[in-house]
Protein backbone atom coordinates (compact mmCIF):
# COMPACT_ATOMS: atom_id res chain seq x y z
CA MET A 1 9.19 33.57 -20.84
CA ARG A 2 9.14 30.70 -26.95
CA SER A 3 7.58 31.84 -25.84
CA VAL A 4 8.34 32.38 -22.56
CA ARG A 5 10.79 33.08 -20.07
CA LEU A 6 12.66 29.93 -19.24
CA LYS A 7 14.24 29.50 -15.87
CA ILE A 8 17.92 29.05 -16.61
CA VAL A 9 20.32 27.46 -14.18
CA ALA A 10 23.21 26.95 -16.53
CA ALA A 11 26.20 28.87 -17.80
CA GLY A 12 25.52 31.37 -20.54
CA LEU A 13 27.63 32.23 -23.57
CA VAL A 14 27.79 36.01 -23.28
CA LEU A 15 31.25 37.29 -24.07
CA GLY A 16 32.74 40.75 -23.87
CA VAL A 17 32.17 43.84 -21.78
CA ALA A 18 30.38 47.09 -22.15
CA ALA A 19 33.31 49.40 -21.41
CA VAL A 20 36.28 47.19 -21.20
CA GLY A 21 37.92 47.14 -17.82
CA GLY A 22 35.66 49.93 -16.57
CA TRP A 23 34.51 47.98 -13.54
CA GLN A 24 38.04 48.01 -12.20
CA LEU A 25 37.70 51.77 -11.75
CA LEU A 26 34.61 51.39 -9.56
CA PRO A 27 35.62 49.74 -6.27
CA THR A 28 33.45 52.25 -4.39
CA ASP A 29 30.79 54.84 -5.16
CA ASP A 30 31.05 58.60 -4.72
CA GLU A 31 30.44 58.23 -0.98
CA GLY A 32 33.17 55.61 -0.57
CA ARG A 33 30.83 52.60 -0.34
CA SER A 34 31.61 49.28 -1.97
CA PRO A 35 29.18 47.71 -4.48
CA ILE A 36 26.38 45.60 -3.07
CA ARG A 37 27.12 42.05 -4.22
CA VAL A 38 24.09 40.06 -5.36
CA GLY A 39 24.52 36.32 -5.87
CA THR A 40 22.38 34.18 -8.18
CA THR A 41 22.50 30.89 -10.09
CA ASP A 42 20.55 32.41 -12.97
CA VAL A 43 22.48 32.86 -16.18
CA VAL A 44 22.57 35.61 -18.77
CA SER A 45 22.29 33.87 -22.14
CA ALA A 46 22.56 37.07 -24.20
CA LEU A 47 22.86 40.82 -23.73
CA ASP A 48 20.85 41.51 -26.88
CA PRO A 49 17.10 41.53 -26.12
CA ALA A 50 16.32 40.06 -29.55
CA GLY A 51 18.25 36.91 -28.65
CA ALA A 52 17.18 36.07 -25.10
CA TYR A 53 14.04 34.70 -23.53
CA ASP A 54 15.16 33.57 -20.09
CA ALA A 55 14.96 34.69 -16.48
CA GLY A 56 18.63 35.56 -16.01
CA SER A 57 18.86 37.73 -19.11
CA TRP A 58 15.58 39.51 -18.44
CA ALA A 59 16.59 40.18 -14.84
CA LEU A 60 19.59 42.10 -16.13
CA PHE A 61 17.55 43.74 -18.92
CA SER A 62 15.15 45.31 -16.41
CA ASN A 63 18.08 47.24 -14.99
CA VAL A 64 19.97 48.35 -18.10
CA TYR A 65 17.14 48.73 -20.62
CA GLN A 66 13.68 50.26 -20.49
CA SER A 67 10.37 49.01 -21.84
CA LEU A 68 7.41 51.23 -22.64
CA LEU A 69 5.54 49.80 -19.66
CA THR A 70 6.52 48.03 -16.46
CA ILE A 71 4.88 46.49 -13.40
CA ARG A 72 4.91 48.22 -10.03
CA PRO A 73 5.99 46.24 -6.94
CA GLY A 74 3.22 43.90 -5.81
CA SER A 75 0.92 44.90 -8.68
CA ASP A 76 -0.42 43.04 -11.68
CA THR A 77 -1.22 46.06 -13.85
CA PRO A 78 1.20 47.54 -16.41
CA VAL A 79 2.10 51.21 -15.89
CA PRO A 80 4.16 53.63 -18.03
CA ASP A 81 7.96 53.49 -17.89
CA ALA A 82 9.66 54.76 -21.06
CA ALA A 83 6.17 55.81 -22.16
CA SER A 84 4.23 58.63 -20.55
CA ALA A 85 0.91 56.96 -21.45
CA CYS A 86 -0.39 53.92 -23.36
CA LYS A 87 -3.88 52.78 -24.36
CA PHE A 88 -5.92 50.69 -26.76
CA VAL A 89 -7.45 52.77 -29.53
CA GLY A 90 -11.09 51.87 -30.15
CA GLN A 91 -12.93 48.80 -28.89
CA LYS A 92 -11.41 46.11 -31.09
CA LEU A 93 -8.21 45.58 -29.03
CA THR A 94 -6.22 45.51 -32.27
CA THR A 95 -4.57 48.94 -32.09
CA TYR A 96 -2.38 49.94 -29.17
CA GLN A 97 -0.72 53.31 -28.87
CA CYS A 98 1.98 54.74 -26.60
CA GLU A 99 3.36 58.23 -26.16
CA LEU A 100 7.09 58.31 -25.42
CA ARG A 101 8.36 60.34 -22.46
CA PRO A 102 9.97 63.63 -23.51
CA ASP A 103 13.71 64.18 -23.02
CA LEU A 104 14.43 60.47 -22.65
CA THR A 105 18.03 59.54 -23.47
CA PHE A 106 20.17 56.46 -23.76
CA ALA A 107 23.00 56.20 -21.25
CA GLY A 108 25.39 57.33 -24.00
CA GLY A 109 23.51 60.59 -24.38
CA ARG A 110 21.54 60.09 -27.61
CA PRO A 111 17.78 60.86 -27.37
CA VAL A 112 15.42 57.88 -27.29
CA THR A 113 12.90 58.27 -30.11
CA ALA A 114 9.77 56.52 -31.32
CA GLU A 115 11.88 55.27 -34.23
CA ASP A 116 14.10 53.45 -31.72
CA VAL A 117 11.02 51.76 -30.27
CA LYS A 118 9.80 50.71 -33.72
CA PHE A 119 13.29 49.50 -34.61
CA SER A 120 13.50 47.43 -31.41
CA PHE A 121 10.27 45.56 -32.16
CA ASP A 122 10.90 45.21 -35.88
CA ARG A 123 14.31 43.59 -35.39
CA ILE A 124 12.89 41.01 -32.95
CA LYS A 125 10.47 39.86 -35.63
CA GLN A 126 13.04 40.07 -38.42
CA ILE A 127 15.79 38.19 -36.58
CA ASN A 128 13.32 35.66 -35.14
CA SER A 129 16.02 34.02 -33.03
CA ASP A 130 15.35 30.47 -31.83
CA GLN A 131 16.32 31.69 -28.36
CA GLY A 132 14.57 35.07 -28.70
CA PRO A 133 11.16 36.46 -27.70
CA ALA A 134 9.56 36.74 -31.17
CA PRO A 135 6.80 34.17 -30.38
CA LEU A 136 5.62 36.40 -27.54
CA PHE A 137 4.62 38.95 -30.18
CA ASN A 138 2.70 36.54 -32.40
CA THR A 139 -0.20 39.02 -32.71
CA LEU A 140 2.02 42.00 -33.59
CA GLU A 141 1.53 42.82 -37.27
CA SER A 142 3.32 46.17 -37.60
CA VAL A 143 4.68 49.16 -35.68
CA ARG A 144 4.43 52.80 -36.74
CA ALA A 145 6.39 55.76 -35.34
CA ASP A 146 5.09 59.32 -35.66
CA GLY A 147 6.76 62.02 -33.57
CA ARG A 148 6.74 60.64 -30.00
CA THR A 149 3.80 58.36 -30.75
CA VAL A 150 4.24 54.61 -31.30
CA THR A 151 1.30 52.66 -32.75
CA PHE A 152 1.12 48.88 -32.66
CA ASN A 153 -1.20 47.18 -35.15
CA LEU A 154 -2.27 43.71 -34.04
CA SER A 155 -3.51 40.85 -36.22
CA ALA A 156 -6.10 39.81 -33.61
CA ARG A 157 -7.64 41.04 -30.39
CA ASP A 158 -4.98 40.76 -27.70
CA ALA A 159 -5.81 42.09 -24.26
CA THR A 160 -2.48 40.72 -23.02
CA PHE A 161 -0.43 43.00 -25.28
CA PRO A 162 0.18 45.67 -22.58
CA PHE A 163 1.64 42.93 -20.37
CA LYS A 164 3.95 41.79 -23.17
CA ILE A 165 5.43 45.24 -23.74
CA ALA A 166 6.08 45.51 -19.99
CA THR A 167 8.64 42.68 -20.18
CA GLY A 168 12.30 42.33 -21.06
CA ALA A 169 11.21 41.20 -24.52
CA ALA A 170 10.22 44.81 -25.25
CA SER A 171 13.54 46.36 -24.20
CA ILE A 172 14.29 49.48 -26.21
CA VAL A 173 17.70 49.54 -27.91
CA ASP A 174 19.67 52.27 -29.68
CA ARG A 175 19.11 51.79 -33.44
CA ASP A 176 22.56 53.24 -34.13
CA LYS A 177 24.23 50.49 -32.08
CA TYR A 178 22.25 47.34 -32.92
CA PRO A 179 22.06 45.71 -36.39
CA ALA A 180 18.55 45.48 -37.82
CA ARG A 181 18.73 41.87 -39.03
CA ALA A 182 21.30 40.21 -36.81
CA LEU A 183 22.12 39.90 -33.14
CA ARG A 184 24.73 42.29 -31.82
CA LYS A 185 28.02 40.41 -31.65
CA GLU A 186 29.94 42.79 -29.40
CA ASN A 187 27.65 41.94 -26.47
CA GLU A 188 27.66 45.52 -25.27
CA VAL A 189 24.63 47.30 -23.86
CA ASP A 190 23.18 50.63 -24.98
CA GLY A 191 19.98 51.21 -23.05
CA SER A 192 18.20 53.83 -20.96
CA GLY A 193 17.58 51.88 -17.75
CA PRO A 194 18.41 52.77 -14.13
CA TYR A 195 21.91 51.29 -14.53
CA THR A 196 24.67 51.18 -17.09
CA LEU A 197 26.60 47.95 -17.56
CA VAL A 198 30.24 48.91 -17.12
CA GLY A 199 31.75 45.43 -16.91
CA TYR A 200 30.78 41.88 -17.70
CA GLU A 201 32.57 38.56 -17.32
CA THR A 202 30.85 35.52 -18.76
CA GLY A 203 29.21 33.39 -16.11
CA LYS A 204 30.92 35.31 -13.33
CA SER A 205 29.83 38.91 -12.84
CA ALA A 206 28.06 42.01 -14.09
CA GLU A 207 29.16 45.42 -12.81
CA LEU A 208 26.41 48.03 -12.67
CA LYS A 209 26.72 51.78 -12.17
CA PRO A 210 23.73 54.12 -11.58
CA ASN A 211 22.61 55.91 -14.73
CA PRO A 212 22.10 59.59 -13.83
CA ALA A 213 20.15 60.17 -17.06
CA TYR A 214 17.45 57.61 -16.22
CA LYS A 215 13.83 58.79 -16.30
CA GLY A 216 11.03 56.32 -15.73
CA GLN A 217 8.75 54.53 -13.31
CA GLY A 218 11.54 53.29 -11.04
CA LYS A 219 13.58 55.19 -8.53
CA PRO A 220 17.02 56.44 -9.52
CA ALA A 221 19.61 53.83 -8.58
CA ARG A 222 21.61 54.78 -5.51
CA ALA A 223 24.23 52.08 -5.03
CA LEU A 224 26.80 50.34 -7.17
CA VAL A 225 25.84 46.70 -7.67
CA THR A 226 27.90 43.67 -8.61
CA VAL A 227 25.88 40.65 -9.71
CA ARG A 228 27.83 37.45 -9.12
CA TYR A 229 26.78 34.40 -11.14
CA PHE A 230 27.33 30.98 -9.58
CA LYS A 231 27.42 27.61 -11.26
CA ASP A 232 25.08 26.00 -8.75
CA SER A 233 23.26 26.52 -5.47
CA ALA A 234 26.08 24.96 -3.44
CA GLN A 235 28.51 27.62 -4.68
CA LEU A 236 25.98 30.36 -3.94
CA ASP A 237 25.48 28.99 -0.43
CA ARG A 238 29.25 28.91 0.11
CA ALA A 239 29.55 32.54 -1.02
CA TRP A 240 26.76 33.52 1.35
CA ARG A 241 28.38 31.75 4.31
CA ASP A 242 31.77 33.27 3.44
CA HIS A 243 30.21 36.76 3.17
CA GLY A 244 31.07 36.92 -0.52
CA VAL A 245 27.60 38.32 -1.26
CA GLU A 246 25.21 40.58 0.62
CA VAL A 247 22.11 39.36 -1.22
CA ALA A 248 21.27 35.83 -2.42
CA HIS A 249 18.43 35.19 -4.86
CA ARG A 250 17.56 32.16 -7.02
CA ASP A 251 18.51 29.67 -5.79
CA MET A 252 19.93 28.55 -2.49
CA PRO A 253 19.95 24.81 -1.75
CA PRO A 254 16.54 23.42 -0.68
CA ALA A 255 17.90 22.39 2.73
CA VAL A 256 19.07 25.97 3.39
CA LEU A 257 15.73 27.46 2.40
CA ALA A 258 13.88 24.90 4.51
CA GLY A 259 15.98 25.91 7.52
CA LEU A 260 15.36 29.67 7.34
CA ASN A 261 13.95 31.10 10.56
CA PRO A 262 13.51 34.56 12.16
CA GLY A 263 16.21 33.92 14.75
CA MET A 264 19.08 33.71 12.29
CA LYS A 265 21.91 36.19 12.81
CA ASP A 266 22.52 38.90 10.20
CA THR A 267 20.05 37.25 7.84
CA ARG A 268 16.86 38.75 6.50
CA TYR A 269 14.72 36.67 4.19
CA GLN A 270 11.48 36.83 2.30
CA ALA A 271 9.43 34.23 0.44
CA SER A 272 6.88 35.53 -2.03
CA GLY A 273 5.33 34.97 -5.40
CA GLY A 274 4.94 31.24 -5.57
CA THR A 275 4.43 31.06 -9.34
CA GLU A 276 7.75 29.59 -10.47
CA THR A 277 6.90 26.19 -11.92
CA ARG A 278 8.67 23.09 -13.19
CA SER A 279 7.42 20.51 -15.67
CA VAL A 280 8.33 17.52 -17.77
CA VAL A 281 8.07 18.42 -21.46
CA PHE A 282 7.36 15.56 -23.88
CA ASN A 283 8.63 15.29 -27.43
CA THR A 284 5.47 14.71 -29.52
CA ARG A 285 7.25 14.48 -32.88
CA PRO A 286 6.91 11.25 -34.89
CA GLY A 287 9.72 8.87 -34.01
CA SER A 288 9.90 9.75 -30.34
CA THR A 289 8.78 7.10 -27.85
CA THR A 290 6.61 9.76 -26.21
CA ALA A 291 4.85 10.76 -29.46
CA LYS A 292 1.81 8.64 -28.57
CA PRO A 293 -0.52 10.29 -26.02
CA ALA A 294 -0.95 7.00 -24.10
CA VAL A 295 2.74 7.00 -23.14
CA ARG A 296 2.52 10.56 -21.81
CA GLN A 297 -0.72 9.77 -20.00
CA ALA A 298 0.89 6.71 -18.42
CA VAL A 299 3.75 8.83 -17.07
CA ALA A 300 1.18 11.26 -15.65
CA ALA A 301 -0.61 8.35 -13.98
CA VAL A 302 2.44 7.21 -12.00
CA LEU A 303 4.30 10.45 -11.18
CA ASP A 304 4.47 11.02 -7.40
CA ARG A 305 4.90 14.77 -6.99
CA SER A 306 4.81 14.59 -3.19
CA LYS A 307 7.93 12.42 -3.13
CA ILE A 308 9.76 14.88 -5.35
CA SER A 309 8.62 17.85 -3.28
CA GLY A 310 9.50 16.28 0.05
CA ASP A 311 12.59 14.16 -0.68
CA ILE A 312 14.35 16.32 -3.26
CA TYR A 313 13.20 19.83 -2.37
CA LYS A 314 12.66 19.42 1.40
CA GLY A 315 9.17 20.86 1.26
CA THR A 316 10.23 24.17 -0.32
CA VAL A 317 8.07 23.41 -3.38
CA THR A 318 4.41 22.37 -3.66
CA PRO A 319 3.01 19.66 -5.95
CA LEU A 320 1.42 21.20 -9.05
CA TYR A 321 -1.48 19.72 -10.99
CA SER A 322 -1.88 22.23 -13.79
CA LEU A 323 0.32 24.48 -15.92
CA VAL A 324 -1.42 27.47 -14.29
CA PRO A 325 -0.13 27.57 -10.71
CA ALA A 326 -2.15 28.18 -7.57
CA GLY A 327 -2.46 31.88 -6.82
CA VAL A 328 -3.03 32.81 -10.46
CA ALA A 329 -6.62 33.56 -11.51
CA ALA A 330 -8.34 30.63 -13.28
CA HIS A 331 -6.06 27.99 -11.71
CA SER A 332 -7.56 24.51 -11.65
CA THR A 333 -6.29 20.98 -10.90
CA PRO A 334 -7.07 18.79 -13.94
CA PHE A 335 -4.10 16.46 -13.45
CA PHE A 336 -5.22 15.71 -9.90
CA ASP A 337 -8.77 15.14 -11.14
CA ALA A 338 -7.52 12.69 -13.77
CA TYR A 339 -4.73 11.08 -11.69
CA PRO A 340 -5.46 11.67 -7.98
CA SER A 341 -2.69 9.32 -6.81
CA PRO A 342 0.14 7.36 -8.46
CA ASN A 343 -1.45 4.32 -10.11
CA GLY A 344 0.70 1.77 -11.90
CA GLN A 345 -2.29 -0.36 -12.87
CA ALA A 346 -3.98 2.57 -14.60
CA ALA A 347 -0.75 3.31 -16.45
CA ARG A 348 -0.40 -0.33 -17.55
CA LYS A 349 -3.96 -0.30 -18.92
CA LEU A 350 -3.33 2.93 -20.84
CA LEU A 351 -0.34 1.36 -22.58
CA LYS A 352 -2.05 -1.96 -23.20
CA ASP A 353 -5.16 -0.35 -24.69
CA ALA A 354 -2.94 1.64 -27.07
CA GLY A 355 -1.06 -1.50 -28.12
CA ILE A 356 2.23 -0.27 -26.64
CA THR A 357 4.70 -2.86 -25.34
CA ALA A 358 6.38 -2.21 -21.99
CA PRO A 359 8.93 -1.23 -20.91
CA VAL A 360 8.89 1.96 -22.97
CA PRO A 361 12.40 3.41 -23.44
CA VAL A 362 12.52 7.13 -22.67
CA THR A 363 15.51 9.46 -22.92
CA LEU A 364 15.13 12.19 -20.28
CA GLY A 365 17.14 15.37 -20.84
CA VAL A 366 18.12 17.50 -17.88
CA ASN A 367 20.05 20.73 -17.43
CA GLN A 368 22.85 19.70 -15.07
CA ARG A 369 22.38 22.27 -12.27
CA GLY A 370 21.28 22.33 -8.65
CA ALA A 371 18.71 19.68 -7.75
CA ASN A 372 17.81 19.01 -11.39
CA VAL A 373 19.74 15.75 -11.68
CA ALA A 374 18.48 14.45 -8.31
CA GLU A 375 14.96 15.28 -9.46
CA ALA A 376 15.50 13.39 -12.72
CA GLU A 377 16.86 10.39 -10.84
CA GLU A 378 13.75 10.33 -8.64
CA ILE A 379 11.52 10.47 -11.72
CA LYS A 380 13.54 7.59 -13.22
CA ARG A 381 13.16 5.58 -9.99
CA GLN A 382 9.41 6.13 -9.89
CA LEU A 383 8.78 5.25 -13.51
CA GLU A 384 11.08 2.23 -13.63
CA SER A 385 9.63 0.82 -10.40
CA THR A 386 6.39 0.16 -12.29
CA GLY A 387 8.17 -2.00 -14.87
CA LEU A 388 6.52 0.09 -17.59
CA PHE A 389 9.39 2.40 -18.48
CA GLN A 390 13.13 2.31 -19.01
CA LEU A 391 14.69 5.75 -18.58
CA LYS A 392 18.05 7.01 -19.69
CA ILE A 393 19.01 10.34 -18.16
CA LYS A 394 21.07 12.64 -20.39
CA PRO A 395 22.46 15.56 -18.36
CA VAL A 396 23.70 18.61 -20.27
CA GLU A 397 25.73 21.23 -18.41
CA ALA A 398 25.62 24.34 -20.59
CA TRP A 399 22.18 25.93 -20.89
CA GLU A 400 22.55 26.86 -24.54
CA ASP A 401 23.62 23.31 -25.42
CA PHE A 402 20.62 21.96 -23.50
CA GLN A 403 18.29 24.40 -25.25
CA LYS A 404 19.60 23.43 -28.68
CA ALA A 405 19.33 19.74 -27.82
CA TYR A 406 15.69 19.78 -26.83
CA ALA A 407 14.78 22.07 -29.74
CA ALA A 408 16.40 19.54 -32.09
CA GLY A 409 14.35 16.72 -30.56
CA GLU A 410 17.31 14.89 -29.04
CA PHE A 411 15.27 13.88 -25.96
CA ASP A 412 11.98 12.03 -25.61
CA ALA A 413 11.31 14.24 -22.61
CA TYR A 414 13.09 16.92 -20.64
CA THR A 415 12.56 18.86 -17.41
CA ILE A 416 12.46 22.63 -17.34
CA GLY A 417 11.42 25.49 -15.08
CA TRP A 418 9.23 28.44 -15.96
CA ILE A 419 8.95 31.93 -14.57
CA ALA A 420 6.07 33.86 -16.10
CA ASP A 421 6.65 37.01 -18.13
CA PHE A 422 3.57 38.65 -16.64
CA PRO A 423 0.92 37.78 -14.01
CA ASP A 424 -1.83 36.32 -16.21
CA ALA A 425 -2.92 32.72 -16.85
CA ASP A 426 -2.26 33.27 -20.57
CA ASN A 427 1.49 33.31 -19.93
CA PHE A 428 1.41 29.82 -18.44
CA LEU A 429 -0.42 28.43 -21.47
CA ALA A 430 0.09 30.31 -24.74
CA PRO A 431 3.91 30.23 -24.76
CA LEU A 432 4.03 26.65 -23.49
CA VAL A 433 1.36 24.75 -25.47
CA GLY A 434 0.19 27.24 -28.11
CA ALA A 435 1.31 27.66 -31.69
CA ASP A 436 5.09 28.19 -32.03
CA SER A 437 5.58 27.15 -28.41
CA SER A 438 8.89 27.96 -26.83
CA MET A 439 9.06 24.36 -25.65
CA ASN A 440 9.95 23.23 -29.20
CA ASN A 441 8.39 19.81 -28.62
CA GLY A 442 6.27 19.53 -31.77
CA PHE A 443 2.92 19.79 -30.02
CA SER A 444 0.03 21.52 -31.74
CA ASP A 445 -3.72 21.33 -31.35
CA LYS A 446 -6.33 23.36 -33.21
CA LEU A 447 -8.77 23.59 -30.30
CA VAL A 448 -6.02 24.62 -27.90
CA ASP A 449 -4.97 27.41 -30.27
CA GLU A 450 -8.57 28.55 -30.75
CA LEU A 451 -9.13 28.76 -27.01
CA ILE A 452 -5.87 30.66 -26.49
CA THR A 453 -6.92 33.19 -29.13
CA ARG A 454 -10.31 33.54 -27.46
CA THR A 455 -8.86 34.09 -23.98
CA GLN A 456 -6.67 36.87 -25.38
CA SER A 457 -9.73 38.69 -26.70
CA TYR A 458 -11.22 39.43 -23.26
CA SER A 459 -10.37 42.87 -21.90
CA ASP A 460 -12.07 41.67 -18.70
CA ARG A 461 -9.63 38.94 -17.78
CA GLY A 462 -12.09 37.36 -15.37
CA ALA A 463 -14.38 36.63 -18.31
CA ALA A 464 -11.70 34.32 -19.73
CA ALA A 465 -11.71 32.03 -16.67
CA ALA A 466 -13.95 29.33 -18.15
CA ASP A 467 -11.84 29.10 -21.30
CA PHE A 468 -8.66 28.96 -19.22
CA ARG A 469 -10.06 26.06 -17.21
CA GLU A 470 -10.99 24.25 -20.42
CA LEU A 471 -7.46 24.82 -21.73
CA GLN A 472 -6.00 23.29 -18.60
CA ARG A 473 -8.31 20.28 -18.98
CA LEU A 474 -7.21 19.78 -22.59
CA VAL A 475 -3.57 19.89 -21.52
CA SER A 476 -4.25 17.14 -18.98
CA GLN A 477 -5.72 15.03 -21.81
CA HIS A 478 -2.98 15.56 -24.39
CA VAL A 479 -0.15 15.82 -21.82
CA PRO A 480 2.38 17.69 -23.98
CA MET A 481 3.73 18.87 -20.63
CA LEU A 482 3.40 17.39 -17.17
CA PRO A 483 3.54 19.90 -14.28
CA ILE A 484 5.61 18.79 -11.29
CA TRP A 485 5.78 21.63 -8.76
CA GLN A 486 5.55 25.31 -8.02
CA LYS A 487 7.64 27.23 -5.53
CA LYS A 488 7.92 30.48 -3.71
CA ASP A 489 10.66 32.93 -4.59
CA TYR A 490 13.18 33.34 -1.77
CA VAL A 491 15.56 36.26 -1.31
CA MET A 492 18.11 36.54 1.49
CA SER A 493 20.02 39.66 2.51
CA ARG A 494 22.34 40.99 5.18
CA ASP A 495 21.08 43.42 7.81
CA ALA A 496 23.20 46.21 6.29
CA VAL A 497 21.28 46.13 3.00
CA THR A 498 17.83 47.56 2.33
CA GLY A 499 15.44 46.99 -0.56
CA ALA A 500 16.13 43.29 -1.19
CA GLN A 501 12.43 42.51 -0.87
CA TYR A 502 11.83 44.19 -4.23
CA LEU A 503 13.80 41.45 -5.98
CA SER A 504 11.10 38.98 -4.98
CA ASP A 505 7.65 40.53 -5.21
CA GLY A 506 5.95 38.24 -7.72
CA THR A 507 6.12 40.66 -10.66
CA GLY A 508 9.23 39.25 -12.35
CA VAL A 509 11.01 42.63 -12.34
CA TRP A 510 14.47 42.50 -10.72
CA ARG A 511 14.63 45.91 -9.03
CA LEU A 512 18.32 46.18 -8.19
CA TRP A 513 17.91 49.96 -8.10
CA GLU A 514 15.98 49.56 -4.83
CA LEU A 515 19.09 48.19 -3.09
CA ASN A 516 21.12 50.45 -0.83
CA TRP A 517 23.34 50.38 2.22
CA LEU A 518 21.87 51.37 5.57
């Protein structure tokens, strides 16, 4: 999600609308029905795909843009969307080719061409935004367009490439509307997805109207949808209780999720996926107090994940002992193997043997949303109770400010969530600890990078399992990141709404077009 797709729970900076005031003309659809209101605490950081690599933005992208491939509900295999077919050419896994669907058009009416696809990928690499998805395409060397055929030339074997072009990072944009070497400033959307964006208000709402010209893997959208963005889970919960939304997704308060039961009135719910993770990221640059591995290892030795899971999240999350979560092929538990229980004595020895004087001062950055601050305070309590650390929590409210702060190295450590771009162990490792990591923490390791490259060369993903396990072990030694927990993805809906289960099926695709009134 750097990378990677970061889980954002902060206000974005998207300004403007895609048809000014248009949403005011859409109080009901052609059959007189009001929009289905979907509430979330995710944030759209940008409407331009070249400038966003976060869950909230990509959720919207999957509805207003198309990628060449997508993931079907409940599946882990990419299938054609804007493309009619895609395949590797030859046995080297360095040439990938897609044939564009015929008669595909942008919502504005202009035909979608192979040149638009090439343009969309080229500008991501050329712009190379700090907040954009360019690192996800680190193996992409060049793109060629010929008729309806798009050919991707890769610098190395990359069996994960089909997964990458099934994400929001690969959204196809209209080359007549988007500048080639800069992000689009108007913050309008010109895509070919199931919906058109007809109104947008920063941090508040997105108004979506079905796109009758859409052709692709998904169903045609049937209902108007209003996405309402809330500052935190308490506001989302209040909107749910006040019937201000018909669907609630990411994230209700932990106590509410813990109390869900089948007997609740006018409330359907589903918990699925389970691969959203959260970690502490350490600044490994010279000058940071966490630059020395012994400091990071000492934190790993004393962290009590069970206390965080139970006290802060009311049992709605599960302690995590690797960057690759349980349920994903090749998952292992190297942090549990190395640190089976919180051990202050082991941490003290690690610091002493490295010649480090306690207490070690650590500045902990946190995005000021939901349970994030309470979580940080619990981490501070645990670490300071050993007498080995002195933590200063620095909360930052706006997501973009937080992102800039950790990229600039303003924290010794920070906490962040992660929702994978695609269902493969690679996406929990390469974008997080590989070269040009989206975590921007200064970590690099030659052996880690070599193993990542090797895992990407296996067309049989099961054959990469041993290398993935070795990668996880190396992470537990270097500790550039410290996994805390993983959680299921909850979605709640009213009885009058159908299709909400497709917002939470473990694939990462936000299928608003499946929603409809009964």
